[in-house]
Amino acid sequence: MDLVTLTTVHDVGLASIVRGVLDQAGIESTTTGTVDDVFPVDEVIPIQILVREGDLARARDVLASYENEPEEDEEE
């Protein structure tokens, strides 16, 4: 299974959100970096979100759809 980088983030919380969105869409992902740390660190660590090469296009579409969803406050 060849893994490719979908995106790189610098926030553990954001990495978790991205992985959750992918998971809900049925796309498996993994990360590089220290996303399992519970306590914040003083340094900025790039965290790569990796997916299977065959899932890359769909994963990009899923993230694009998520990023373009209006927030609840904007709907009113």
PDB file of N, CA and C in Angstrom:
ATOM      1  N   MET A   1       0.845  -1.176   0.000  1.00  0.00           N
ATOM      2  CA  MET A   1       0.000   0.000   0.000  1.00  0.00           C
ATOM      3  C   MET A   1       0.891   1.240   0.000  1.00  0.00           C
ATOM      4  N   ASP A   2       0.795   2.027  -1.061  1.00  0.00           N
ATOM      5  CA  ASP A   2       1.573   3.250  -1.162  1.00  0.00           C
ATOM      6  C   ASP A   2       0.797   4.398  -0.551  1.00  0.00           C
ATOM      7  N   LEU A   3       1.433   5.092   0.394  1.00  0.00           N
ATOM      8  CA  LEU A   3       0.819   6.246   1.034  1.00  0.00           C
ATOM      9  C   LEU A   3       1.376   7.521   0.423  1.00  0.00           C
ATOM     10  N   VAL A   4       0.490   8.503   0.262  1.00  0.00           N
ATOM     11  CA  VAL A   4       0.890   9.801  -0.274  1.00  0.00           C
ATOM     12  C   VAL A   4       0.359  10.887   0.654  1.00  0.00           C
ATOM     13  N   THR A   5       0.989  12.040   0.614  1.00  0.00           N
ATOM     14  CA  THR A   5       0.584  13.152   1.459  1.00  0.00           C
ATOM     15  C   THR A   5      -0.627  13.846   0.874  1.00  0.00           C
ATOM     16  N   LEU A   6      -1.691  13.908   1.662  1.00  0.00           N
ATOM     17  CA  LEU A   6      -2.898  14.640   1.281  1.00  0.00           C
ATOM     18  C   LEU A   6      -2.727  16.112   1.608  1.00  0.00           C
ATOM     19  N   THR A   7      -2.265  16.402   2.817  1.00  0.00           N
ATOM     20  CA  THR A   7      -2.069  17.777   3.256  1.00  0.00           C
ATOM     21  C   THR A   7      -1.112  17.786   4.441  1.00  0.00           C
ATOM     22  N   THR A   8      -0.621  18.952   4.760  1.00  0.00           N
ATOM     23  CA  THR A   8       0.228  19.141   5.935  1.00  0.00           C
ATOM     24  C   THR A   8      -0.392  20.235   6.785  1.00  0.00           C
ATOM     25  N   VAL A   9      -0.526  19.965   8.085  1.00  0.00           N
ATOM     26  CA  VAL A   9      -1.064  20.940   9.027  1.00  0.00           C
ATOM     27  C   VAL A   9      -0.048  21.141  10.141  1.00  0.00           C
ATOM     28  N   HIS A  10      -0.245  22.167  10.950  1.00  0.00           N
ATOM     29  CA  HIS A  10       0.683  22.454  12.041  1.00  0.00           C
ATOM     30  C   HIS A  10      -0.031  22.503  13.382  1.00  0.00           C
ATOM     31  N   ASP A  11      -1.181  21.850  13.442  1.00  0.00           N
ATOM     32  CA  ASP A  11      -1.983  21.866  14.647  1.00  0.00           C
ATOM     33  C   ASP A  11      -2.536  20.474  14.895  1.00  0.00           C
ATOM     34  N   VAL A  12      -2.308  19.940  16.080  1.00  0.00           N
ATOM     35  CA  VAL A  12      -2.746  18.593  16.428  1.00  0.00           C
ATOM     36  C   VAL A  12      -4.263  18.478  16.342  1.00  0.00           C
ATOM     37  N   GLY A  13      -4.967  19.502  16.811  1.00  0.00           N
ATOM     38  CA  GLY A  13      -6.425  19.480  16.761  1.00  0.00           C
ATOM     39  C   GLY A  13      -6.942  19.431  15.330  1.00  0.00           C
ATOM     40  N   LEU A  14      -6.350  20.230  14.459  1.00  0.00           N
ATOM     41  CA  LEU A  14      -6.754  20.248  13.065  1.00  0.00           C
ATOM     42  C   LEU A  14      -6.471  18.899  12.404  1.00  0.00           C
ATOM     43  N   ALA A  15      -5.344  18.305  12.736  1.00  0.00           N
ATOM     44  CA  ALA A  15      -5.021  16.981  12.195  1.00  0.00           C
ATOM     45  C   ALA A  15      -6.090  15.964  12.593  1.00  0.00           C
ATOM     46  N   SER A  16      -6.548  16.035  13.823  1.00  0.00           N
ATOM     47  CA  SER A  16      -7.594  15.124  14.288  1.00  0.00           C
ATOM     48  C   SER A  16      -8.907  15.364  13.552  1.00  0.00           C
ATOM     49  N   ILE A  17      -9.235  16.627  13.317  1.00  0.00           N
ATOM     50  CA  ILE A  17     -10.461  16.953  12.590  1.00  0.00           C
ATOM     51  C   ILE A  17     -10.393  16.413  11.164  1.00  0.00           C
ATOM     52  N   VAL A  18      -9.285  16.653  10.489  1.00  0.00           N
ATOM     53  CA  VAL A  18      -9.121  16.180   9.110  1.00  0.00           C
ATOM     54  C   VAL A  18      -9.247  14.663   9.066  1.00  0.00           C
ATOM     55  N   ARG A  19      -8.592  13.978   9.987  1.00  0.00           N
ATOM     56  CA  ARG A  19      -8.677  12.515  10.003  1.00  0.00           C
ATOM     57  C   ARG A  19     -10.098  12.051  10.290  1.00  0.00           C
ATOM     58  N   GLY A  20     -10.813  12.764  11.138  1.00  0.00           N
ATOM     59  CA  GLY A  20     -12.194  12.411  11.436  1.00  0.00           C
ATOM     60  C   GLY A  20     -13.097  12.566  10.220  1.00  0.00           C
ATOM     61  N   VAL A  21     -12.906  13.642   9.473  1.00  0.00           N
ATOM     62  CA  VAL A  21     -13.685  13.874   8.256  1.00  0.00           C
ATOM     63  C   VAL A  21     -13.415  12.759   7.246  1.00  0.00           C
ATOM     64  N   LEU A  22     -12.153  12.417   7.094  1.00  0.00           N
ATOM     65  CA  LEU A  22     -11.796  11.339   6.169  1.00  0.00           C
ATOM     66  C   LEU A  22     -12.391  10.011   6.628  1.00  0.00           C
ATOM     67  N   ASP A  23     -12.309   9.747   7.911  1.00  0.00           N
ATOM     68  CA  ASP A  23     -12.832   8.504   8.467  1.00  0.00           C
ATOM     69  C   ASP A  23     -14.339   8.391   8.217  1.00  0.00           C
ATOM     70  N   GLN A  24     -15.062   9.481   8.410  1.00  0.00           N
ATOM     71  CA  GLN A  24     -16.512   9.471   8.163  1.00  0.00           C
ATOM     72  C   GLN A  24     -16.836   9.193   6.699  1.00  0.00           C
ATOM     73  N   ALA A  25     -15.915   9.540   5.815  1.00  0.00           N
ATOM     74  CA  ALA A  25     -16.105   9.282   4.391  1.00  0.00           C
ATOM     75  C   ALA A  25     -15.599   7.894   4.002  1.00  0.00           C
ATOM     76  N   GLY A  26     -15.108   7.140   4.974  1.00  0.00           N
ATOM     77  CA  GLY A  26     -14.619   5.791   4.694  1.00  0.00           C
ATOM     78  C   GLY A  26     -13.216   5.743   4.131  1.00  0.00           C
ATOM     79  N   ILE A  27     -12.451   6.815   4.337  1.00  0.00           N
ATOM     80  CA  ILE A  27     -11.084   6.882   3.832  1.00  0.00           C
ATOM     81  C   ILE A  27     -10.125   6.729   5.001  1.00  0.00           C
ATOM     82  N   GLU A  28      -9.308   5.688   4.946  1.00  0.00           N
ATOM     83  CA  GLU A  28      -8.319   5.480   5.997  1.00  0.00           C
ATOM     84  C   GLU A  28      -7.178   6.471   5.826  1.00  0.00           C
ATOM     85  N   SER A  29      -6.665   6.945   6.960  1.00  0.00           N
ATOM     86  CA  SER A  29      -5.545   7.879   6.913  1.00  0.00           C
ATOM     87  C   SER A  29      -4.622   7.612   8.098  1.00  0.00           C
ATOM     88  N   THR A  30      -3.444   8.149   7.983  1.00  0.00           N
ATOM     89  CA  THR A  30      -2.490   8.099   9.078  1.00  0.00           C
ATOM     90  C   THR A  30      -1.728   9.418   9.070  1.00  0.00           C
ATOM     91  N   THR A  31      -0.899   9.619  10.059  1.00  0.00           N
ATOM     92  CA  THR A  31      -0.160  10.880  10.145  1.00  0.00           C
ATOM     93  C   THR A  31       1.305  10.636  10.448  1.00  0.00           C
ATOM     94  N   THR A  32       2.091  11.642  10.117  1.00  0.00           N
ATOM     95  CA  THR A  32       3.460  11.704  10.594  1.00  0.00           C
ATOM     96  C   THR A  32       3.478  12.779  11.664  1.00  0.00           C
ATOM     97  N   GLY A  33       4.478  12.838  12.461  1.00  0.00           N
ATOM     98  CA  GLY A  33       4.531  13.844  13.515  1.00  0.00           C
ATOM     99  C   GLY A  33       4.013  13.265  14.814  1.00  0.00           C
ATOM    100  N   THR A  34       3.696  14.125  15.757  1.00  0.00           N
ATOM    101  CA  THR A  34       3.313  13.678  17.095  1.00  0.00           C
ATOM    102  C   THR A  34       1.871  14.036  17.398  1.00  0.00           C
ATOM    103  N   VAL A  35       0.931  13.517  16.633  1.00  0.00           N
ATOM    104  CA  VAL A  35      -0.466  13.875  16.826  1.00  0.00           C
ATOM    105  C   VAL A  35      -1.086  13.198  18.040  1.00  0.00           C
ATOM    106  N   ASP A  36      -0.415  12.253  18.641  1.00  0.00           N
ATOM    107  CA  ASP A  36      -0.965  11.571  19.809  1.00  0.00           C
ATOM    108  C   ASP A  36      -0.643  12.293  21.107  1.00  0.00           C
ATOM    109  N   ASP A  37       0.144  13.372  21.036  1.00  0.00           N
ATOM    110  CA  ASP A  37       0.475  14.113  22.240  1.00  0.00           C
ATOM    111  C   ASP A  37      -0.760  14.811  22.793  1.00  0.00           C
ATOM    112  N   VAL A  38      -1.009  14.650  24.074  1.00  0.00           N
ATOM    113  CA  VAL A  38      -2.148  15.283  24.713  1.00  0.00           C
ATOM    114  C   VAL A  38      -1.824  16.721  25.090  1.00  0.00           C
ATOM    115  N   PHE A  39      -0.594  16.963  25.464  1.00  0.00           N
ATOM    116  CA  PHE A  39      -0.183  18.290  25.911  1.00  0.00           C
ATOM    117  C   PHE A  39       0.463  19.056  24.765  1.00  0.00           C
ATOM    118  N   PRO A  40       0.173  20.352  24.663  1.00  0.00           N
ATOM    119  CA  PRO A  40       0.778  21.138  23.585  1.00  0.00           C
ATOM    120  C   PRO A  40       2.289  21.238  23.760  1.00  0.00           C
ATOM    121  N   VAL A  41       2.958  21.380  22.646  1.00  0.00           N
ATOM    122  CA  VAL A  41       4.409  21.549  22.665  1.00  0.00           C
ATOM    123  C   VAL A  41       4.730  22.974  22.239  1.00  0.00           C
ATOM    124  N   ASP A  42       5.916  23.431  22.586  1.00  0.00           N
ATOM    125  CA  ASP A  42       6.313  24.804  22.283  1.00  0.00           C
ATOM    126  C   ASP A  42       6.742  24.995  20.832  1.00  0.00           C
ATOM    127  N   GLU A  43       6.997  23.925  20.144  1.00  0.00           N
ATOM    128  CA  GLU A  43       7.472  24.065  18.778  1.00  0.00           C
ATOM    129  C   GLU A  43       6.364  23.693  17.790  1.00  0.00           C
ATOM    130  N   VAL A  44       6.467  24.250  16.596  1.00  0.00           N
ATOM    131  CA  VAL A  44       5.510  23.930  15.543  1.00  0.00           C
ATOM    132  C   VAL A  44       6.047  22.727  14.792  1.00  0.00           C
ATOM    133  N   ILE A  45       5.268  21.675  14.793  1.00  0.00           N
ATOM    134  CA  ILE A  45       5.683  20.435  14.142  1.00  0.00           C
ATOM    135  C   ILE A  45       4.754  20.179  12.962  1.00  0.00           C
ATOM    136  N   PRO A  46       5.282  20.111  11.763  1.00  0.00           N
ATOM    137  CA  PRO A  46       4.417  19.805  10.627  1.00  0.00           C
ATOM    138  C   PRO A  46       3.893  18.372  10.743  1.00  0.00           C
ATOM    139  N   ILE A  47       2.597  18.234  10.550  1.00  0.00           N
ATOM    140  CA  ILE A  47       1.953  16.927  10.622  1.00  0.00           C
ATOM    141  C   ILE A  47       1.390  16.633   9.249  1.00  0.00           C
ATOM    142  N   GLN A  48       1.897  15.591   8.616  1.00  0.00           N
ATOM    143  CA  GLN A  48       1.400  15.201   7.306  1.00  0.00           C
ATOM    144  C   GLN A  48       0.251  14.219   7.468  1.00  0.00           C
ATOM    145  N   ILE A  49      -0.825  14.452   6.741  1.00  0.00           N
ATOM    146  CA  ILE A  49      -1.948  13.523   6.682  1.00  0.00           C
ATOM    147  C   ILE A  49      -1.724  12.673   5.444  1.00  0.00           C
ATOM    148  N   LEU A  50      -1.604  11.380   5.648  1.00  0.00           N
ATOM    149  CA  LEU A  50      -1.310  10.453   4.556  1.00  0.00           C
ATOM    150  C   LEU A  50      -2.519   9.578   4.263  1.00  0.00           C
ATOM    151  N   VAL A  51      -2.751   9.327   2.971  1.00  0.00           N
ATOM    152  CA  VAL A  51      -3.804   8.416   2.532  1.00  0.00           C
ATOM    153  C   VAL A  51      -3.231   7.489   1.466  1.00  0.00           C
ATOM    154  N   ARG A  52      -3.988   6.445   1.175  1.00  0.00           N
ATOM    155  CA  ARG A  52      -3.571   5.553   0.082  1.00  0.00           C
ATOM    156  C   ARG A  52      -3.602   6.335  -1.223  1.00  0.00           C
ATOM    157  N   GLU A  53      -2.668   6.007  -2.087  1.00  0.00           N
ATOM    158  CA  GLU A  53      -2.577   6.703  -3.367  1.00  0.00           C
ATOM    159  C   GLU A  53      -3.898   6.619  -4.136  1.00  0.00           C
ATOM    160  N   GLY A  54      -4.556   5.472  -4.085  1.00  0.00           N
ATOM    161  CA  GLY A  54      -5.823   5.292  -4.786  1.00  0.00           C
ATOM    162  C   GLY A  54      -6.967   6.100  -4.196  1.00  0.00           C
ATOM    163  N   ASP A  55      -6.836   6.571  -2.960  1.00  0.00           N
ATOM    164  CA  ASP A  55      -7.869   7.369  -2.297  1.00  0.00           C
ATOM    165  C   ASP A  55      -7.611   8.870  -2.384  1.00  0.00           C
ATOM    166  N   LEU A  56      -6.489   9.258  -2.965  1.00  0.00           N
ATOM    167  CA  LEU A  56      -6.071  10.658  -2.922  1.00  0.00           C
ATOM    168  C   LEU A  56      -7.086  11.607  -3.554  1.00  0.00           C
ATOM    169  N   ALA A  57      -7.555  11.313  -4.748  1.00  0.00           N
ATOM    170  CA  ALA A  57      -8.490  12.219  -5.424  1.00  0.00           C
ATOM    171  C   ALA A  57      -9.784  12.347  -4.622  1.00  0.00           C
ATOM    172  N   ARG A  58     -10.300  11.241  -4.140  1.00  0.00           N
ATOM    173  CA  ARG A  58     -11.536  11.279  -3.357  1.00  0.00           C
ATOM    174  C   ARG A  58     -11.322  12.029  -2.042  1.00  0.00           C
ATOM    175  N   ALA A  59     -10.175  11.814  -1.406  1.00  0.00           N
ATOM    176  CA  ALA A  59      -9.864  12.493  -0.151  1.00  0.00           C
ATOM    177  C   ALA A  59      -9.792  14.004  -0.375  1.00  0.00           C
ATOM    178  N   ARG A  60      -9.222  14.432  -1.475  1.00  0.00           N
ATOM    179  CA  ARG A  60      -9.172  15.868  -1.797  1.00  0.00           C
ATOM    180  C   ARG A  60     -10.579  16.429  -1.959  1.00  0.00           C
ATOM    181  N   ASP A  61     -11.448  15.667  -2.645  1.00  0.00           N
ATOM    182  CA  ASP A  61     -12.830  16.109  -2.838  1.00  0.00           C
ATOM    183  C   ASP A  61     -13.557  16.212  -1.500  1.00  0.00           C
ATOM    184  N   VAL A  62     -13.354  15.230  -0.624  1.00  0.00           N
ATOM    185  CA  VAL A  62     -14.004  15.228   0.689  1.00  0.00           C
ATOM    186  C   VAL A  62     -13.574  16.445   1.489  1.00  0.00           C
ATOM    187  N   LEU A  63     -12.275  16.724   1.510  1.00  0.00           N
ATOM    188  CA  LEU A  63     -11.786  17.891   2.255  1.00  0.00           C
ATOM    189  C   LEU A  63     -12.286  19.196   1.645  1.00  0.00           C
ATOM    190  N   ALA A  64     -12.321  19.273   0.328  1.00  0.00           N
ATOM    191  CA  ALA A  64     -12.806  20.489  -0.326  1.00  0.00           C
ATOM    192  C   ALA A  64     -14.277  20.719   0.022  1.00  0.00           C
ATOM    193  N   SER A  65     -15.065  19.664   0.039  1.00  0.00           N
ATOM    194  CA  SER A  65     -16.485  19.781   0.402  1.00  0.00           C
ATOM    195  C   SER A  65     -16.632  20.227   1.842  1.00  0.00           C
ATOM    196  N   TYR A  66     -15.813  19.669   2.726  1.00  0.00           N
ATOM    197  CA  TYR A  66     -15.870  20.023   4.144  1.00  0.00           C
ATOM    198  C   TYR A  66     -15.494  21.490   4.351  1.00  0.00           C
ATOM    199  N   GLU A  67     -14.441  21.924   3.687  1.00  0.00           N
ATOM    200  CA  GLU A  67     -13.968  23.295   3.855  1.00  0.00           C
ATOM    201  C   GLU A  67     -14.960  24.308   3.297  1.00  0.00           C
ATOM    202  N   ASN A  68     -15.778  23.914   2.327  1.00  0.00           N
ATOM    203  CA  ASN A  68     -16.718  24.839   1.695  1.00  0.00           C
ATOM    204  C   ASN A  68     -18.107  24.799   2.317  1.00  0.00           C
ATOM    205  N   GLU A  69     -18.322  23.945   3.315  1.00  0.00           N
ATOM    206  CA  GLU A  69     -19.611  23.904   3.995  1.00  0.00           C
ATOM    207  C   GLU A  69     -19.793  25.181   4.803  1.00  0.00           C
ATOM    208  N   PRO A  70     -20.991  25.774   4.729  1.00  0.00           N
ATOM    209  CA  PRO A  70     -21.211  26.968   5.540  1.00  0.00           C
ATOM    210  C   PRO A  70     -21.302  26.605   7.030  1.00  0.00           C
ATOM    211  N   GLU A  71     -20.801  27.493   7.866  1.00  0.00           N
ATOM    212  CA  GLU A  71     -20.921  27.265   9.301  1.00  0.00           C
ATOM    213  C   GLU A  71     -22.359  27.476   9.698  1.00  0.00           C
ATOM    214  N   GLU A  72     -22.790  26.896  10.816  1.00  0.00           N
ATOM    215  CA  GLU A  72     -24.174  26.986  11.236  1.00  0.00           C
ATOM    216  C   GLU A  72     -24.664  28.413  11.347  1.00  0.00           C
ATOM    217  N   ASP A  73     -23.826  29.323  11.826  1.00  0.00           N
ATOM    218  CA  ASP A  73     -24.209  30.724  11.973  1.00  0.00           C
ATOM    219  C   ASP A  73     -24.438  31.399  10.624  1.00  0.00           C
ATOM    220  N   GLU A  74     -23.746  30.935   9.576  1.00  0.00           N
ATOM    221  CA  GLU A  74     -23.848  31.548   8.271  1.00  0.00           C
ATOM    222  C   GLU A  74     -25.130  31.166   7.550  1.00  0.00           C
ATOM    223  N   GLU A  75     -25.781  30.077   7.957  1.00  0.00           N
ATOM    224  CA  GLU A  75     -26.969  29.611   7.270  1.00  0.00           C
ATOM    225  C   GLU A  75     -28.170  30.490   7.530  1.00  0.00           C
ATOM    226  N   GLU A  76     -28.216  31.195   8.640  1.00  0.00           N
ATOM    227  CA  GLU A  76     -29.378  32.003   9.004  1.00  0.00           C
ATOM    228  C   GLU A  76     -29.377  33.337   8.325  1.00  0.00           C
TER     229      GLU A  76
END
